C-alpha atoms as a PDB file:
ATOM      1  CA  MET A   1    -125.236 125.455-155.538  1.00  0.00           C
ATOM      2  CA  SER A   2    -124.004 123.565-152.557  1.00  0.00           C
ATOM      3  CA  THR A   3    -123.526 124.716-149.481  1.00  0.00           C
ATOM      4  CA  ILE A   4    -121.238 123.646-146.483  1.00  0.00           C
ATOM      5  CA  ALA A   5    -121.297 125.231-142.348  1.00  0.00           C
ATOM      6  CA  ILE A   6    -118.290 124.664-140.897  1.00  0.00           C
ATOM      7  CA  ILE A   7    -119.391 125.596-136.723  1.00  0.00           C
ATOM      8  CA  GLY A   8    -115.840 126.435-135.150  1.00  0.00           C
ATOM      9  CA  ALA A   9    -115.356 128.250-138.234  1.00  0.00           C
ATOM     10  CA  GLY A  10    -111.670 130.660-137.488  1.00  0.00           C
ATOM     11  CA  PRO A  11    -108.316 131.408-139.942  1.00  0.00           C
ATOM     12  CA  GLY A  12    -106.494 128.377-139.128  1.00  0.00           C
ATOM     13  CA  MET A  13    -108.498 124.778-139.990  1.00  0.00           C
ATOM     14  CA  GLY A  14    -111.751 126.556-140.769  1.00  0.00           C
ATOM     15  CA  LEU A  15    -110.819 129.062-143.077  1.00  0.00           C
ATOM     16  CA  ALA A  16    -108.611 125.996-144.666  1.00  0.00           C
ATOM     17  CA  ILE A  17    -111.943 123.789-145.310  1.00  0.00           C
ATOM     18  CA  ALA A  18    -114.033 126.715-146.515  1.00  0.00           C
ATOM     19  CA  ARG A  19    -111.531 127.253-149.146  1.00  0.00           C
ATOM     20  CA  THR A  20    -111.041 123.274-149.949  1.00  0.00           C
ATOM     21  CA  PHE A  21    -114.684 123.425-150.317  1.00  0.00           C
ATOM     22  CA  GLY A  22    -115.116 127.070-151.761  1.00  0.00           C
ATOM     23  CA  ARG A  23    -112.934 126.050-154.444  1.00  0.00           C
ATOM     24  CA  ARG A  24    -115.236 123.716-155.814  1.00  0.00           C
ATOM     25  CA  GLY A  25    -118.178 125.568-155.648  1.00  0.00           C
ATOM     26  CA  PHE A  26    -119.580 125.221-152.433  1.00  0.00           C
ATOM     27  CA  ASP A  27    -120.944 128.202-150.867  1.00  0.00           C
ATOM     28  CA  VAL A  28    -119.662 128.875-147.088  1.00  0.00           C
ATOM     29  CA  ALA A  29    -121.646 129.228-143.901  1.00  0.00           C
ATOM     30  CA  LEU A  30    -119.055 130.219-140.953  1.00  0.00           C
ATOM     31  CA  ILE A  31    -120.571 129.884-137.588  1.00  0.00           C
ATOM     32  CA  SER A  32    -118.275 130.420-134.142  1.00  0.00           C
ATOM     33  CA  ARG A  33    -119.288 133.723-131.663  1.00  0.00           C
ATOM     34  CA  THR A  34    -117.311 136.385-132.774  1.00  0.00           C
ATOM     35  CA  GLN A  35    -119.765 138.220-135.379  1.00  0.00           C
ATOM     36  CA  ASP A  36    -116.815 140.638-136.449  1.00  0.00           C
ATOM     37  CA  LYS A  37    -113.622 138.145-136.842  1.00  0.00           C
ATOM     38  CA  LEU A  38    -116.436 136.355-139.079  1.00  0.00           C
ATOM     39  CA  ASP A  39    -116.948 139.104-141.437  1.00  0.00           C
ATOM     40  CA  ALA A  40    -113.369 139.394-141.364  1.00  0.00           C
ATOM     41  CA  LEU A  41    -112.897 135.418-142.673  1.00  0.00           C
ATOM     42  CA  ALA A  42    -115.811 135.798-144.713  1.00  0.00           C
ATOM     43  CA  LYS A  43    -114.899 139.300-146.562  1.00  0.00           C
ATOM     44  CA  GLN A  44    -111.409 137.096-147.652  1.00  0.00           C
ATOM     45  CA  LEU A  45    -113.097 134.629-148.987  1.00  0.00           C
ATOM     46  CA  GLY A  46    -114.944 136.625-150.408  1.00  0.00           C
ATOM     47  CA  GLU A  47    -112.071 138.310-151.746  1.00  0.00           C
ATOM     48  CA  GLU A  48    -111.299 135.086-153.526  1.00  0.00           C
ATOM     49  CA  GLY A  49    -113.926 134.264-155.622  1.00  0.00           C
ATOM     50  CA  ILE A  50    -115.731 132.181-152.744  1.00  0.00           C
ATOM     51  CA  THR A  51    -119.361 133.160-151.669  1.00  0.00           C
ATOM     52  CA  ALA A  52    -119.722 133.320-147.631  1.00  0.00           C
ATOM     53  CA  GLN A  53    -121.209 134.688-144.574  1.00  0.00           C
ATOM     54  CA  GLY A  54    -120.934 134.940-141.004  1.00  0.00           C
ATOM     55  CA  PHE A  55    -123.414 133.731-138.397  1.00  0.00           C
ATOM     56  CA  ALA A  56    -122.418 134.028-134.831  1.00  0.00           C
ATOM     57  CA  ALA A  57    -123.018 131.468-132.366  1.00  0.00           C
ATOM     58  CA  ASP A  58    -121.604 129.776-128.885  1.00  0.00           C
ATOM     59  CA  VAL A  59    -122.270 126.015-129.217  1.00  0.00           C
ATOM     60  CA  MET A  60    -122.500 126.468-125.291  1.00  0.00           C
ATOM     61  CA  ASP A  61    -125.736 128.213-126.163  1.00  0.00           C
ATOM     62  CA  ARG A  62    -127.649 125.378-128.581  1.00  0.00           C
ATOM     63  CA  PRO A  63    -131.034 127.588-129.261  1.00  0.00           C
ATOM     64  CA  SER A  64    -128.195 130.267-130.572  1.00  0.00           C
ATOM     65  CA  LEU A  65    -126.660 127.401-132.298  1.00  0.00           C
ATOM     66  CA  THR A  66    -129.814 126.403-134.102  1.00  0.00           C
ATOM     67  CA  ALA A  67    -130.489 129.547-134.667  1.00  0.00           C
ATOM     68  CA  ALA A  68    -127.170 130.264-136.922  1.00  0.00           C
ATOM     69  CA  LEU A  69    -128.299 127.665-138.674  1.00  0.00           C
ATOM     70  CA  GLU A  70    -131.514 128.098-139.686  1.00  0.00           C
ATOM     71  CA  ALA A  71    -130.058 131.739-140.437  1.00  0.00           C
ATOM     72  CA  ALA A  72    -127.451 129.199-143.141  1.00  0.00           C
ATOM     73  CA  LYS A  73    -130.002 127.912-144.876  1.00  0.00           C
ATOM     74  CA  ALA A  74    -132.269 130.921-145.291  1.00  0.00           C
ATOM     75  CA  ARG A  75    -129.383 132.809-146.867  1.00  0.00           C
ATOM     76  CA  PHE A  76    -128.057 129.925-148.747  1.00  0.00           C
ATOM     77  CA  GLY A  77    -130.691 127.173-148.986  1.00  0.00           C
ATOM     78  CA  ALA A  78    -130.303 123.764-147.884  1.00  0.00           C
ATOM     79  CA  ILE A  79    -127.125 123.029-146.439  1.00  0.00           C
ATOM     80  CA  ASP A  80    -125.582 119.831-148.002  1.00  0.00           C
ATOM     81  CA  VAL A  81    -122.423 119.258-145.838  1.00  0.00           C
ATOM     82  CA  LEU A  82    -122.213 119.889-142.367  1.00  0.00           C
ATOM     83  CA  GLU A  83    -118.491 120.358-140.536  1.00  0.00           C
ATOM     84  CA  TYR A  84    -118.305 120.918-136.619  1.00  0.00           C
ATOM     85  CA  SER A  85    -114.543 121.325-135.056  1.00  0.00           C
ATOM     86  CA  PRO A  86    -115.078 124.019-132.294  1.00  0.00           C
ATOM     87  CA  ALA A  87    -111.925 125.389-131.258  1.00  0.00           C
ATOM     88  CA  PRO A  88    -109.655 122.921-129.228  1.00  0.00           C
ATOM     89  CA  HIS A  89    -108.700 125.399-126.545  1.00  0.00           C
ATOM     90  CA  THR A  90    -111.060 126.060-123.191  1.00  0.00           C
ATOM     91  CA  PRO A  91    -114.248 126.921-124.838  1.00  0.00           C
ATOM     92  CA  SER A  92    -114.821 129.970-121.956  1.00  0.00           C
ATOM     93  CA  PRO A  93    -113.743 131.163-118.922  1.00  0.00           C
ATOM     94  CA  GLY A  94    -113.643 128.789-116.242  1.00  0.00           C
ATOM     95  CA  ILE A  95    -113.578 125.671-118.151  1.00  0.00           C
ATOM     96  CA  THR A  96    -110.233 123.876-117.440  1.00  0.00           C
ATOM     97  CA  ILE A  97    -108.343 120.856-118.894  1.00  0.00           C
ATOM     98  CA  VAL A  98    -106.904 118.395-116.610  1.00  0.00           C
ATOM     99  CA  ALA A  99    -105.368 114.751-115.690  1.00  0.00           C
ATOM    100  CA  PRO A 100    -107.532 111.910-115.546  1.00  0.00           C
ATOM    101  CA  SER A 101    -107.277 111.507-111.933  1.00  0.00           C
ATOM    102  CA  GLU A 102    -108.668 115.197-111.642  1.00  0.00           C
ATOM    103  CA  ALA A 103    -111.533 114.359-113.706  1.00  0.00           C
ATOM    104  CA  THR A 104    -114.766 115.416-111.369  1.00  0.00           C
ATOM    105  CA  VAL A 105    -118.381 115.950-112.677  1.00  0.00           C
ATOM    106  CA  ALA A 106    -118.034 119.760-112.521  1.00  0.00           C
ATOM    107  CA  ASN A 107    -115.200 119.924-115.125  1.00  0.00           C
ATOM    108  CA  LEU A 108    -116.233 117.171-117.274  1.00  0.00           C
ATOM    109  CA  GLN A 109    -119.775 118.694-117.459  1.00  0.00           C
ATOM    110  CA  PRO A 110    -118.876 121.308-119.341  1.00  0.00           C
ATOM    111  CA  GLN A 111    -116.338 119.517-122.204  1.00  0.00           C
ATOM    112  CA  ILE A 112    -119.241 117.126-122.551  1.00  0.00           C
ATOM    113  CA  GLU A 113    -121.475 119.858-123.565  1.00  0.00           C
ATOM    114  CA  TYR A 114    -119.228 121.406-125.814  1.00  0.00           C
ATOM    115  CA  ASN A 115    -117.961 118.538-127.362  1.00  0.00           C
ATOM    116  CA  LEU A 116    -120.384 116.416-127.806  1.00  0.00           C
ATOM    117  CA  TYR A 117    -123.951 118.240-127.241  1.00  0.00           C
ATOM    118  CA  GLY A 118    -122.540 120.585-129.344  1.00  0.00           C
ATOM    119  CA  ALA A 119    -122.189 118.165-131.923  1.00  0.00           C
ATOM    120  CA  VAL A 120    -125.769 116.302-131.030  1.00  0.00           C
ATOM    121  CA  GLU A 121    -127.641 120.139-131.378  1.00  0.00           C
ATOM    122  CA  ALA A 122    -126.030 120.590-135.054  1.00  0.00           C
ATOM    123  CA  ALA A 123    -126.886 117.489-136.344  1.00  0.00           C
ATOM    124  CA  ARG A 124    -130.456 117.349-135.502  1.00  0.00           C
ATOM    125  CA  ALA A 125    -130.768 120.593-137.043  1.00  0.00           C
ATOM    126  CA  VAL A 126    -129.606 119.484-140.022  1.00  0.00           C
ATOM    127  CA  LEU A 127    -130.528 115.825-140.328  1.00  0.00           C
ATOM    128  CA  PRO A 128    -133.769 115.659-141.315  1.00  0.00           C
ATOM    129  CA  ALA A 129    -133.691 117.860-144.208  1.00  0.00           C
ATOM    130  CA  MET A 130    -130.453 115.798-145.546  1.00  0.00           C
ATOM    131  CA  ARG A 131    -132.523 112.394-144.519  1.00  0.00           C
ATOM    132  CA  ALA A 132    -135.754 113.760-146.581  1.00  0.00           C
ATOM    133  CA  ALA A 133    -133.300 114.823-149.583  1.00  0.00           C
ATOM    134  CA  GLY A 134    -131.473 111.355-149.503  1.00  0.00           C
ATOM    135  CA  THR A 135    -128.063 112.915-149.391  1.00  0.00           C
ATOM    136  CA  GLY A 136    -125.904 115.021-147.680  1.00  0.00           C
ATOM    137  CA  THR A 137    -122.285 114.700-145.355  1.00  0.00           C
ATOM    138  CA  LEU A 138    -121.997 115.189-142.253  1.00  0.00           C
ATOM    139  CA  LEU A 139    -118.108 115.829-140.374  1.00  0.00           C
ATOM    140  CA  PHE A 140    -116.920 115.892-136.780  1.00  0.00           C
ATOM    141  CA  THR A 141    -113.691 116.777-135.442  1.00  0.00           C
ATOM    142  CA  THR A 142    -111.488 116.006-133.085  1.00  0.00           C
ATOM    143  CA  GLY A 143    -107.937 116.148-131.706  1.00  0.00           C
ATOM    144  CA  GLY A 144    -106.004 112.498-131.647  1.00  0.00           C
ATOM    145  CA  GLY A 145    -106.168 112.113-127.953  1.00  0.00           C
ATOM    146  CA  SER A 146    -109.987 110.815-128.527  1.00  0.00           C
ATOM    147  CA  VAL A 147    -108.547 107.522-130.161  1.00  0.00           C
ATOM    148  CA  ASP A 148    -105.250 107.550-128.457  1.00  0.00           C
ATOM    149  CA  PRO A 149    -105.918 109.135-124.695  1.00  0.00           C
ATOM    150  CA  ILE A 150    -103.275 111.940-123.518  1.00  0.00           C
ATOM    151  CA  PRO A 151    -102.951 112.588-119.560  1.00  0.00           C
ATOM    152  CA  MET A 152    -102.851 116.078-119.592  1.00  0.00           C
ATOM    153  CA  LEU A 153    -106.053 116.097-121.292  1.00  0.00           C
ATOM    154  CA  GLY A 154    -108.134 113.902-119.391  1.00  0.00           C
ATOM    155  CA  ASN A 155    -111.567 115.232-119.119  1.00  0.00           C
ATOM    156  CA  VAL A 156    -111.127 116.820-122.810  1.00  0.00           C
ATOM    157  CA  ASN A 157    -110.134 113.539-124.467  1.00  0.00           C
ATOM    158  CA  ALA A 158    -113.256 112.148-122.513  1.00  0.00           C
ATOM    159  CA  SER A 159    -116.002 114.036-123.861  1.00  0.00           C
ATOM    160  CA  ALA A 160    -114.161 114.061-127.581  1.00  0.00           C
ATOM    161  CA  ALA A 161    -114.156 110.280-127.117  1.00  0.00           C
ATOM    162  CA  ALA A 162    -117.888 110.647-126.628  1.00  0.00           C
ATOM    163  CA  LEU A 163    -118.248 112.179-129.755  1.00  0.00           C
ATOM    164  CA  ARG A 164    -116.337 109.742-131.950  1.00  0.00           C
ATOM    165  CA  ASN A 165    -118.266 107.005-130.883  1.00  0.00           C
ATOM    166  CA  TRP A 166    -121.779 108.516-131.166  1.00  0.00           C
ATOM    167  CA  VAL A 167    -120.609 110.288-134.892  1.00  0.00           C
ATOM    168  CA  ILE A 168    -119.689 106.141-135.785  1.00  0.00           C
ATOM    169  CA  ASN A 169    -122.622 104.911-134.875  1.00  0.00           C
ATOM    170  CA  LEU A 170    -124.578 107.464-136.381  1.00  0.00           C
ATOM    171  CA  ASN A 171    -122.470 106.147-139.890  1.00  0.00           C
ATOM    172  CA  LYS A 172    -123.087 103.190-139.010  1.00  0.00           C
ATOM    173  CA  GLU A 173    -127.379 103.974-138.816  1.00  0.00           C
ATOM    174  CA  LEU A 174    -127.289 106.169-141.651  1.00  0.00           C
ATOM    175  CA  THR A 175    -126.100 103.397-143.924  1.00  0.00           C
ATOM    176  CA  GLY A 176    -128.439 103.445-147.048  1.00  0.00           C
ATOM    177  CA  SER A 177    -130.137 106.408-146.299  1.00  0.00           C
ATOM    178  CA  GLY A 178    -127.826 108.630-148.642  1.00  0.00           C
ATOM    179  CA  VAL A 179    -126.574 110.761-145.623  1.00  0.00           C
ATOM    180  CA  TYR A 180    -122.701 110.365-144.622  1.00  0.00           C
ATOM    181  CA  ALA A 181    -121.255 110.797-141.364  1.00  0.00           C
ATOM    182  CA  GLY A 182    -117.781 110.852-140.729  1.00  0.00           C
ATOM    183  CA  HIS A 183    -115.320 111.667-138.050  1.00  0.00           C
ATOM    184  CA  ILE A 184    -111.839 113.034-138.156  1.00  0.00           C
ATOM    185  CA  ALA A 185    -109.358 112.896-135.523  1.00  0.00           C
ATOM    186  CA  ILE A 186    -106.332 115.175-135.724  1.00  0.00           C
ATOM    187  CA  GLY A 187    -103.177 113.679-134.044  1.00  0.00           C
ATOM    188  CA  VAL A 188    -100.648 115.859-134.589  1.00  0.00           C
ATOM    189  CA  TRP A 189    -100.451 119.602-133.981  1.00  0.00           C
ATOM    190  CA  ILE A 190    -101.922 122.485-136.330  1.00  0.00           C
ATOM    191  CA  GLY A 191     -99.542 125.325-137.275  1.00  0.00           C
ATOM    192  CA  ASP A 192     -95.981 125.820-136.554  1.00  0.00           C
ATOM    193  CA  GLY A 193     -94.217 126.004-132.903  1.00  0.00           C
ATOM    194  CA  GLY A 194     -95.788 122.938-131.504  1.00  0.00           C
ATOM    195  CA  PRO A 195     -94.509 121.110-128.607  1.00  0.00           C
ATOM    196  CA  GLU A 196     -90.791 119.620-128.794  1.00  0.00           C
ATOM    197  CA  GLY A 197     -91.331 115.753-130.182  1.00  0.00           C
ATOM    198  CA  ILE A 198     -94.872 116.148-131.511  1.00  0.00           C
ATOM    199  CA  PRO A 199     -95.378 116.000-135.181  1.00  0.00           C
ATOM    200  CA  SER A 200     -97.031 118.704-136.635  1.00  0.00           C
ATOM    201  CA  ALA A 201     -99.713 120.314-139.774  1.00  0.00           C
ATOM    202  CA  THR A 202    -100.698 123.011-141.160  1.00  0.00           C
ATOM    203  CA  PRO A 203    -104.360 123.683-142.242  1.00  0.00           C
ATOM    204  CA  GLU A 204    -103.829 123.942-145.663  1.00  0.00           C
ATOM    205  CA  GLN A 205    -102.066 119.657-145.509  1.00  0.00           C
ATOM    206  CA  ILE A 206    -105.020 118.891-143.381  1.00  0.00           C
ATOM    207  CA  ALA A 207    -108.054 120.110-144.495  1.00  0.00           C
ATOM    208  CA  PRO A 208    -108.131 117.781-148.102  1.00  0.00           C
ATOM    209  CA  LEU A 209    -109.127 114.946-146.165  1.00  0.00           C
ATOM    210  CA  TYR A 210    -112.730 116.702-145.440  1.00  0.00           C
ATOM    211  CA  TRP A 211    -113.064 116.849-149.214  1.00  0.00           C
ATOM    212  CA  GLU A 212    -111.589 112.991-149.278  1.00  0.00           C
ATOM    213  CA  LEU A 213    -114.068 111.751-147.012  1.00  0.00           C
ATOM    214  CA  HIS A 214    -117.225 113.611-148.539  1.00  0.00           C
ATOM    215  CA  GLU A 215    -116.047 112.513-151.673  1.00  0.00           C
ATOM    216  CA  ALA A 216    -115.204 108.599-151.067  1.00  0.00           C
ATOM    217  CA  ARG A 217    -117.919 108.413-148.313  1.00  0.00           C
ATOM    218  CA  ASP A 218    -116.264 104.627-147.126  1.00  0.00           C
ATOM    219  CA  ARG A 219    -115.331 105.307-143.465  1.00  0.00           C
ATOM    220  CA  ALA A 220    -116.312 105.828-140.462  1.00  0.00           C
ATOM    221  CA  GLU A 221    -112.993 107.366-139.248  1.00  0.00           C
ATOM    222  CA  ALA A 222    -109.504 109.327-140.764  1.00  0.00           C
ATOM    223  CA  VAL A 223    -106.928 109.544-138.473  1.00  0.00           C
ATOM    224  CA  PHE A 224    -104.175 112.500-139.849  1.00  0.00           C
ATOM    225  CA  THR A 225    -101.017 111.865-138.454  1.00  0.00           C
ATOM    226  CA  GLY A 226     -99.046 113.827-140.988  1.00  0.00           C
END
């Protein structure tokens, strides 16, 4: 049995990705901050015939993230796929979203910790075992602003672009190792009711792209535009 660990699991993209892999025989480790919400998602997946369990952790608290991944490995065995997509909203009180001209070290640093440092920590927790086994998939999600930045998200896009750069470089490093790293940039509003003029797509429409990259392993990046 294979296992996917979804970091940033929630009722939108996380649930859709869990279903995409779970329906293909994967066990699912759900990781986000609130255990009650994770338990509800795991129950919902269980009712659909997918084995899932939640492990609470905060990507800004890196020891808790590592501990959650270790607990997931203890429960399910090796993690075969890691998917990292913390929620795109402000990650915690006091963290602001600003335009490029308003960016400061103070408001950039938390975004970098949230997007880049959390991803790096998660990868370090699972990559050694994947390398030893000669197989594994690492998938990292950002918004489309990591590729084509949006002024209103100046500090968010900068941190997401740093993550994108790191993932694409990791993909190059892992060539020939049997381990694959890929970046997904979601360039649409997820769900209904987005701003006028901005294209939208449901999580169910986007999630198959993750399986496609896991299976094909033929490119470092995919940009979803609808």
